[in-house]
Protein backbone atom coordinates (compact mmCIF):
# COMPACT_ATOMS: atom_id res chain seq x y z
CA MET A 1 -0.28 25.71 5.12
CA ARG A 2 -1.53 22.32 4.39
CA ASP A 3 0.62 19.74 5.98
CA SER A 4 2.80 17.76 3.38
CA CYS A 5 3.69 13.87 3.05
CA LEU A 6 6.55 14.88 5.03
CA SER A 7 5.49 17.37 7.48
CA GLY A 8 7.65 17.15 11.01
CA LEU A 9 10.38 15.55 9.30
CA ARG A 10 13.30 17.25 9.66
CA VAL A 11 16.71 17.50 7.39
CA ILE A 12 19.87 18.99 7.19
CA ASP A 13 21.41 20.02 3.96
CA ALA A 14 24.58 20.13 4.23
CA SER A 15 25.37 19.43 0.68
CA ARG A 16 26.58 21.76 -1.93
CA VAL A 17 26.63 22.19 -5.82
CA LEU A 18 23.49 19.98 -7.23
CA ALA A 19 22.65 16.54 -6.41
CA GLY A 20 22.29 16.98 -2.70
CA PRO A 21 20.53 19.83 -2.78
CA TYR A 22 18.12 18.78 -5.43
CA CYS A 23 17.16 16.16 -3.18
CA ALA A 24 17.43 17.89 -0.15
CA GLN A 25 14.51 20.55 -2.28
CA MET A 26 12.58 17.41 -3.32
CA LEU A 27 12.07 16.80 0.85
CA GLY A 28 11.23 20.31 1.32
CA ASP A 29 8.86 20.31 -1.68
CA MET A 30 7.10 17.29 0.21
CA GLY A 31 6.39 19.38 3.42
CA ALA A 32 10.43 18.45 5.64
CA GLU A 33 11.75 21.27 7.16
CA VAL A 34 14.95 21.46 5.30
CA ILE A 35 18.39 23.49 7.13
CA LYS A 36 20.34 24.19 4.09
CA ILE A 37 24.10 24.66 6.36
CA GLU A 38 26.89 26.55 3.95
CA SER A 39 30.30 27.91 4.88
CA PRO A 40 31.47 31.28 4.61
CA GLU A 41 32.08 31.64 0.99
CA GLY A 42 28.87 29.84 -0.17
CA ASP A 43 27.66 27.55 -2.26
CA GLU A 44 29.24 27.85 -5.28
CA THR A 45 26.48 27.66 -7.61
CA ARG A 46 25.40 31.31 -6.07
CA SER A 47 27.68 31.89 -8.76
CA PHE A 48 26.65 29.60 -11.52
CA GLY A 49 25.51 32.61 -13.97
CA PRO A 50 24.57 35.88 -13.68
CA THR A 51 22.85 36.94 -10.76
CA VAL A 52 18.78 37.07 -10.49
CA THR A 53 18.31 38.18 -7.19
CA GLU A 54 20.03 39.10 -3.95
CA GLY A 55 20.74 35.36 -3.15
CA GLY A 56 22.19 34.52 -6.26
CA ALA A 57 22.67 32.86 -9.80
CA ALA A 58 18.86 30.96 -11.68
CA TYR A 59 20.91 27.50 -11.15
CA PHE A 60 20.92 28.34 -7.53
CA GLN A 61 17.72 29.18 -7.28
CA ALA A 62 16.49 26.03 -8.76
CA LEU A 63 17.82 23.78 -6.25
CA ASN A 64 17.02 25.88 -3.02
CA ARG A 65 13.44 26.70 -2.39
CA ASN A 66 11.79 25.17 0.86
CA LYS A 67 14.73 25.71 2.89
CA ARG A 68 16.12 27.72 5.28
CA GLY A 69 19.33 28.97 5.43
CA ILE A 70 22.44 29.58 7.57
CA VAL A 71 26.31 29.73 7.68
CA LEU A 72 28.69 27.59 9.41
CA ASP A 73 32.09 27.98 9.20
CA LEU A 74 32.80 24.31 9.89
CA GLY A 75 36.57 24.18 9.60
CA GLN A 76 36.39 26.26 13.61
CA PRO A 77 35.36 23.21 16.12
CA GLU A 78 33.37 25.74 17.59
CA ALA A 79 31.01 25.52 14.34
CA ARG A 80 31.24 21.82 14.42
CA GLU A 81 29.88 21.88 18.04
CA VAL A 82 26.63 23.53 16.60
CA PHE A 83 26.63 21.14 13.65
CA TRP A 84 26.38 18.05 15.71
CA GLN A 85 24.02 19.80 17.95
CA LEU A 86 21.67 19.78 14.75
CA LEU A 87 22.32 16.54 13.92
CA ALA A 88 21.29 15.43 17.33
CA ASN A 89 17.65 16.52 16.92
CA ALA A 90 17.51 16.07 13.24
CA ASP A 91 16.15 13.11 10.90
CA VAL A 92 18.60 13.36 7.93
CA LEU A 93 21.53 14.57 7.05
CA ILE A 94 22.54 14.96 3.06
CA GLU A 95 26.19 15.92 2.63
CA ASN A 96 28.81 15.58 0.56
CA PHE A 97 32.31 16.39 2.22
CA LYS A 98 35.31 14.92 1.07
CA ALA A 99 36.58 12.37 3.32
CA SER A 100 39.68 14.10 4.22
CA THR A 101 37.75 16.70 5.81
CA LEU A 102 35.72 14.24 7.49
CA ARG A 103 39.24 12.90 9.06
CA SER A 104 40.16 16.56 9.93
CA TRP A 105 37.29 16.63 12.33
CA GLY A 106 37.95 13.06 13.79
CA ILE A 107 35.74 10.87 12.27
CA GLU A 108 37.98 8.27 10.38
CA GLU A 109 34.74 6.40 8.78
CA PRO A 110 31.70 8.32 7.50
CA ALA A 111 29.52 5.41 9.44
CA GLN A 112 30.45 7.01 12.30
CA ILE A 113 28.24 9.90 12.07
CA THR A 114 25.30 7.42 12.54
CA GLN A 115 27.02 5.39 15.38
CA ARG A 116 27.04 8.90 17.29
CA PHE A 117 23.33 9.48 16.16
CA PRO A 118 21.76 6.07 15.82
CA HIS A 119 18.41 7.58 14.80
CA LEU A 120 19.93 9.17 12.03
CA VAL A 121 19.07 8.12 8.43
CA HIS A 122 22.80 9.91 6.24
CA ALA A 123 22.81 10.43 3.09
CA ARG A 124 26.55 10.33 1.72
CA ILE A 125 26.96 11.73 -2.08
CA THR A 126 30.56 11.48 -3.84
CA GLY A 127 31.65 11.04 -6.99
CA PHE A 128 32.89 7.51 -6.60
CA GLY A 129 32.44 6.19 -3.19
CA ASP A 130 34.87 6.15 -0.57
CA ASP A 131 36.93 3.23 -1.20
CA GLY A 132 37.86 1.11 -4.58
CA PRO A 133 40.43 2.45 -7.21
CA LEU A 134 38.48 5.70 -7.61
CA GLY A 135 37.40 5.97 -3.89
CA GLY A 136 37.86 9.58 -3.17
CA ALA A 137 38.26 10.80 -6.46
CA PRO A 138 36.61 14.29 -7.06
CA GLY A 139 33.60 13.30 -9.32
CA TYR A 140 32.13 16.32 -11.48
CA ASP A 141 28.80 15.35 -13.78
CA ALA A 142 30.46 16.04 -16.85
CA ALA A 143 33.37 13.82 -16.25
CA VAL A 144 31.43 10.86 -14.83
CA GLN A 145 29.02 10.70 -18.00
CA ALA A 146 32.74 10.56 -19.55
CA ILE A 147 34.00 7.73 -17.48
CA SER A 148 30.79 5.57 -17.26
CA GLY A 149 30.24 4.89 -20.98
CA LEU A 150 27.27 7.57 -21.06
CA MET A 151 28.86 10.21 -23.11
CA SER A 152 29.70 7.17 -25.79
CA VAL A 153 26.80 6.29 -26.11
CA ASN A 154 25.04 9.74 -27.11
CA GLY A 155 25.79 11.92 -29.94
CA GLU A 156 25.60 11.14 -33.95
CA PRO A 157 26.94 8.12 -35.54
CA MET A 158 29.81 9.67 -36.88
CA GLY A 159 30.13 12.01 -34.88
CA GLY A 160 32.49 12.01 -31.15
CA PRO A 161 31.20 11.45 -28.37
CA LEU A 162 28.91 13.93 -26.61
CA ARG A 163 27.63 15.15 -23.20
CA MET A 164 24.40 15.45 -22.54
CA GLY A 165 22.86 19.00 -22.12
CA VAL A 166 21.30 18.53 -18.69
CA PRO A 167 23.33 17.39 -15.76
CA ILE A 168 21.60 13.76 -16.29
CA VAL A 169 24.29 12.21 -13.82
CA ASP A 170 23.76 14.83 -10.88
CA LEU A 171 20.10 15.19 -10.81
CA THR A 172 19.58 11.02 -11.16
CA THR A 173 21.57 10.61 -8.09
CA GLY A 174 19.69 13.29 -6.56
CA MET A 175 16.57 11.10 -7.38
CA GLN A 176 18.16 8.29 -6.21
CA SER A 177 19.15 10.10 -2.86
CA THR A 178 15.81 11.28 -2.28
CA ILE A 179 14.22 7.38 -2.53
CA ALA A 180 17.54 5.99 -0.13
CA VAL A 181 16.27 8.58 2.21
CA LEU A 182 12.37 7.93 1.97
CA SER A 183 13.51 3.89 2.14
CA ALA A 184 15.90 4.36 5.05
CA LEU A 185 12.69 6.37 6.88
CA HIS A 186 10.30 3.23 6.35
CA GLU A 187 13.28 1.13 7.51
CA ARG A 188 13.51 3.15 10.69
CA ALA A 189 9.52 3.09 11.49
CA ARG A 190 10.18 -0.23 12.24
CA SER A 191 13.53 -0.77 13.45
CA GLY A 192 13.96 2.41 15.52
CA ARG A 193 16.90 3.19 13.97
CA GLY A 194 19.11 5.02 11.39
CA GLN A 195 21.42 4.39 8.89
CA MET A 196 23.75 5.56 5.92
CA CYS A 197 22.93 5.60 2.82
CA ASP A 198 26.18 5.26 0.51
CA LEU A 199 25.33 7.01 -3.11
CA ALA A 200 28.56 7.41 -5.80
CA LEU A 201 27.34 9.71 -8.82
CA TYR A 202 29.79 6.72 -10.65
CA ASP A 203 27.05 4.02 -9.65
CA CYS A 204 24.04 6.13 -10.28
CA ALA A 205 25.18 6.95 -13.93
CA ILE A 206 26.09 2.93 -14.73
CA GLY A 207 22.67 2.41 -13.11
CA ILE A 208 20.90 4.52 -15.89
CA ALA A 209 22.91 3.29 -18.64
CA HIS A 210 20.08 1.67 -20.65
CA PRO A 211 19.66 0.11 -22.62
CA TYR A 212 22.88 0.09 -23.95
CA LEU A 213 24.87 -1.69 -20.80
CA PRO A 214 22.30 -4.36 -20.60
CA ASN A 215 22.76 -4.61 -24.61
CA TYR A 216 26.56 -5.57 -24.20
CA LEU A 217 26.20 -7.92 -21.46
CA TRP A 218 24.11 -10.16 -23.61
CA SER A 219 25.70 -9.73 -26.42
CA GLY A 220 29.13 -8.63 -25.77
CA LYS A 221 28.99 -6.06 -28.19
CA GLU A 222 30.43 -2.34 -27.61
CA PRO A 223 27.53 -0.34 -28.11
CA THR A 224 27.10 2.66 -31.08
CA ARG A 225 25.58 5.74 -31.27
CA THR A 226 22.34 6.27 -32.50
CA GLY A 227 21.83 9.67 -32.81
CA ASN A 228 18.21 10.89 -32.14
CA GLY A 229 17.55 6.91 -33.02
CA HIS A 230 16.86 3.62 -30.70
CA ALA A 231 19.13 1.28 -30.25
CA ASN A 232 16.42 -1.10 -29.75
CA ILE A 233 13.36 0.17 -31.47
CA ALA A 234 12.44 1.61 -34.96
CA PRO A 235 11.13 4.07 -36.46
CA TYR A 236 12.08 5.97 -32.94
CA ASP A 237 13.62 8.74 -34.21
CA ALA A 238 13.70 12.26 -35.01
CA PHE A 239 12.10 13.70 -39.21
CA ASP A 240 12.18 16.66 -40.77
CA THR A 241 9.09 17.87 -41.84
CA ALA A 242 7.77 20.71 -43.83
CA THR A 243 7.14 23.14 -40.96
CA CYS A 244 9.28 21.74 -38.33
CA PRO A 245 11.28 18.46 -36.94
CA ILE A 246 9.35 16.24 -35.30
CA TYR A 247 9.70 13.10 -32.99
CA ILE A 248 8.13 10.13 -33.83
CA ALA A 249 8.51 7.42 -31.11
CA VAL A 250 6.70 3.42 -32.83
CA GLY A 251 7.01 1.52 -29.56
CA ASN A 252 5.23 -1.72 -31.46
CA ASP A 253 4.12 -2.97 -34.31
CA ARG A 254 0.75 -2.07 -34.17
CA GLN A 255 1.75 1.26 -33.50
CA PHE A 256 3.96 0.90 -36.79
CA ALA A 257 0.73 -0.25 -38.67
CA THR A 258 -1.23 3.43 -37.13
CA LEU A 259 1.55 5.29 -38.62
CA CYS A 260 2.31 3.72 -41.99
CA ALA A 261 -1.95 4.53 -41.88
CA GLN A 262 -1.95 8.00 -41.20
CA LEU A 263 0.69 8.51 -43.71
CA ASP A 264 -1.46 7.19 -46.01
CA HIS A 265 0.82 4.62 -47.04
CA PRO A 266 -0.82 1.34 -45.04
CA ALA A 267 1.21 -0.95 -47.46
CA LEU A 268 4.35 0.07 -45.72
CA ALA A 269 3.21 -1.88 -42.52
CA SER A 270 3.36 -4.81 -44.65
CA ASP A 271 6.53 -4.93 -46.12
CA GLU A 272 8.43 -7.73 -45.34
CA ARG A 273 11.49 -5.00 -44.92
CA PHE A 274 9.55 -3.81 -41.82
CA ARG A 275 6.94 -5.94 -40.98
CA ARG A 276 8.59 -6.75 -37.27
CA ASN A 277 10.69 -4.09 -35.11
CA VAL A 278 13.30 -6.52 -35.44
CA ASP A 279 13.18 -6.45 -39.28
CA ARG A 280 12.74 -2.37 -39.06
CA ILE A 281 16.11 -2.47 -36.85
CA ALA A 282 18.00 -3.81 -39.05
CA ARG A 283 17.19 -1.93 -41.74
CA ARG A 284 16.96 1.45 -40.18
CA ALA A 285 18.91 3.35 -42.68
CA GLU A 286 15.82 2.46 -45.55
CA LEU A 287 12.82 2.89 -43.09
CA LYS A 288 14.35 5.98 -42.46
CA ALA A 289 14.52 7.11 -46.38
CA GLU A 290 11.07 5.80 -46.95
CA LEU A 291 9.41 7.67 -43.87
CA ASP A 292 11.41 10.74 -44.71
CA ALA A 293 9.82 10.99 -48.57
CA LEU A 294 6.43 10.83 -46.67
CA LEU A 295 7.05 12.98 -44.13
CA ARG A 296 9.19 16.16 -45.69
CA ARG A 297 5.76 17.61 -47.08
CA ARG A 298 3.94 17.36 -43.86
CA ASN A 299 2.87 20.04 -41.86
CA GLY A 300 5.19 18.99 -38.56
CA ARG A 301 2.78 19.90 -36.00
CA GLU A 302 -0.58 18.68 -37.53
CA LEU A 303 0.97 15.80 -38.37
CA ALA A 304 2.27 14.94 -34.73
CA SER A 305 -1.45 16.42 -32.71
CA GLN A 306 -3.00 13.53 -35.48
CA LEU A 307 -0.42 10.86 -34.89
CA GLN A 308 -0.91 11.30 -30.66
CA LEU A 309 -4.93 11.02 -31.12
CA ALA A 310 -4.53 8.18 -33.59
CA GLY A 311 -2.65 6.63 -30.71
CA VAL A 312 1.13 7.02 -31.36
CA PRO A 313 3.26 8.97 -29.74
CA ALA A 314 4.92 11.86 -31.42
CA ALA A 315 5.37 15.20 -30.73
CA PRO A 316 6.78 18.75 -32.30
CA ILE A 317 10.81 19.52 -31.07
CA LEU A 318 10.17 22.31 -28.98
CA GLY A 319 12.86 24.76 -27.29
CA ILE A 320 12.82 25.24 -24.25
CA ALA A 321 10.90 28.86 -24.23
CA GLU A 322 8.40 27.32 -26.47
CA ALA A 323 8.04 24.37 -23.76
CA VAL A 324 7.19 26.94 -20.92
CA ARG A 325 4.63 28.45 -22.46
CA ASP A 326 2.82 25.08 -24.01
CA ALA A 327 -0.26 25.17 -22.44
CA GLN A 328 -0.42 21.18 -21.43
CA THR A 329 3.03 22.98 -18.97
CA ARG A 330 0.47 25.52 -18.04
CA HIS A 331 -2.08 22.96 -17.41
CA ARG A 332 0.13 20.83 -15.46
CA ASP A 333 1.28 23.74 -13.19
CA MET A 334 4.81 23.01 -14.21
CA VAL A 335 6.19 26.45 -13.88
CA ILE A 336 5.94 28.72 -10.96
CA ASP A 337 6.07 32.32 -11.23
CA ARG A 338 5.20 33.68 -7.81
CA ASP A 339 6.46 37.25 -6.77
CA ASP A 340 10.49 37.15 -6.60
CA TYR A 341 10.64 32.90 -7.81
CA HIS A 342 10.84 31.97 -10.32
CA GLY A 343 11.23 27.74 -11.12
CA SER A 344 9.89 24.65 -12.29
CA GLY A 345 7.11 23.00 -11.04
CA PHE A 346 6.42 20.13 -8.79
CA PRO A 347 6.42 16.89 -11.11
CA ILE A 348 4.44 14.62 -8.28
CA LYS A 349 0.84 15.31 -7.69
CA PHE A 350 -0.33 14.17 -4.93
CA SER A 351 -4.20 13.77 -4.42
CA ARG A 352 -4.76 15.17 -0.72
CA THR A 353 -1.04 16.30 0.69
CA PRO A 354 0.12 18.10 -2.30
CA ALA A 355 4.28 19.78 -2.56
CA GLN A 356 3.97 23.78 -1.85
CA LEU A 357 6.31 26.65 -2.61
CA ARG A 358 6.28 27.93 1.54
CA LEU A 359 9.85 28.83 0.77
CA ARG A 360 12.10 30.43 -1.12
CA PRO A 361 15.49 29.90 -1.44
CA PRO A 362 17.70 31.67 1.22
CA ARG A 363 19.80 34.28 0.70
CA HIS A 364 23.50 33.10 2.24
CA GLY A 365 23.03 32.77 6.08
CA GLU A 366 20.13 34.49 5.86
CA HIS A 367 18.25 32.14 8.72
CA THR A 368 21.33 31.76 11.18
CA ARG A 369 20.31 33.37 13.96
CA GLU A 370 16.64 32.48 13.52
CA VAL A 371 17.54 28.17 13.38
CA LEU A 372 20.10 28.34 16.15
CA GLN A 373 17.27 29.91 18.02
CA GLN A 374 14.81 27.49 17.78
CA ALA A 375 17.57 24.63 18.10
CA GLY A 376 17.85 25.91 21.90
CA PHE A 377 21.14 28.47 21.54
CA GLU A 378 20.71 30.92 24.55
CA PRO A 379 21.50 34.57 22.75
CA SER A 380 24.57 34.81 24.47
CA ARG A 381 26.03 31.54 22.59
CA ILE A 382 25.08 32.60 19.32
CA GLU A 383 26.96 36.24 20.33
CA SER A 384 29.88 34.43 21.47
CA LEU A 385 29.63 32.51 18.10
CA GLY A 386 29.46 35.28 15.84
CA LYS A 387 31.91 37.03 17.28
CA SER A 388 34.63 34.04 17.14
CA GLY A 389 33.40 33.51 13.06
CA ALA A 390 31.65 30.52 13.26
CA LEU A 391 28.82 31.58 12.02
CA GLY A 392 30.62 33.72 9.20
CA SER A 393 29.46 37.20 8.32
CA SER A 394 26.17 36.45 9.11
CA GLY A 395 27.14 36.41 12.73
């Protein structure tokens, strides 16, 4: 195996479900050694859908590659001692424990963890943070989409608020957590000190409410749903054609003129109703009617390709299966089909130290003894931990 960007970095992933595991997987993809700690019951995402391998559901498989897995029953003092010993030799901790759980361990404030381990970068992921009116409240992606306003701007204009199909808040929080960890590690290289990174799903959701939140802050007007349309740009919408729906994303007046020319109706670009983007936004319904009339007889795929070549962002609207089979997906290695692992590829392409699939997602507790041995635990100590139940059934 070639060295990767984060080779030599040791990460303890004590998180579960999505945001934390996704962050840890990203670090693992870039070469970090990641140890995933699960309870005796296991990460619940192992059962999110039908089992596809011995390790569980596709949902779990998608979030836990490039990790070794161990089981610790952290409700037991002996298991917590193992946990603290693992942290003593780790660079990063990722967790989403309840504050009440930490208090039951004698940790009154999460920041006490980096006080105990000054070198540690600690990514703490919660729903709403540990303070404030909603501090400590549970937060799952859909509920945070609802309370943050994201659902209110998603959906058709005449319909109701709609949950986004992908868990955008969890995924964004996972990405923000990765940025936080790497930033804190960079600062540690100067100061020699770790720190806690406080990440809340709610904060990350508010942070991506673009452009609706800034629009409201500057105008004072409550945003409304625009369906497939864009709140600030037109035409930026889905259109039906004779063969398939396509999306046309015009970002400026030049692209609009090119679109009109490619549709053999160049005069539309100089029409006073549509000449500038602000004009097109004000008359988006009229503009859509004009474009619908020009598009309904065209071959969607051929037109999308024609527009792309002319410099107008456009694409056929594909299903997941079509996207997986698409030549561009395969060319960019964005699907991994290797032995007993199937998943998305690595979005970041490094020129010298590429991301790699080094480990398939672990079976529950698969590496418990191996990890403890490498951490310096004597065989007799591991045996004792196993008999006490501190390692669950993996002991």
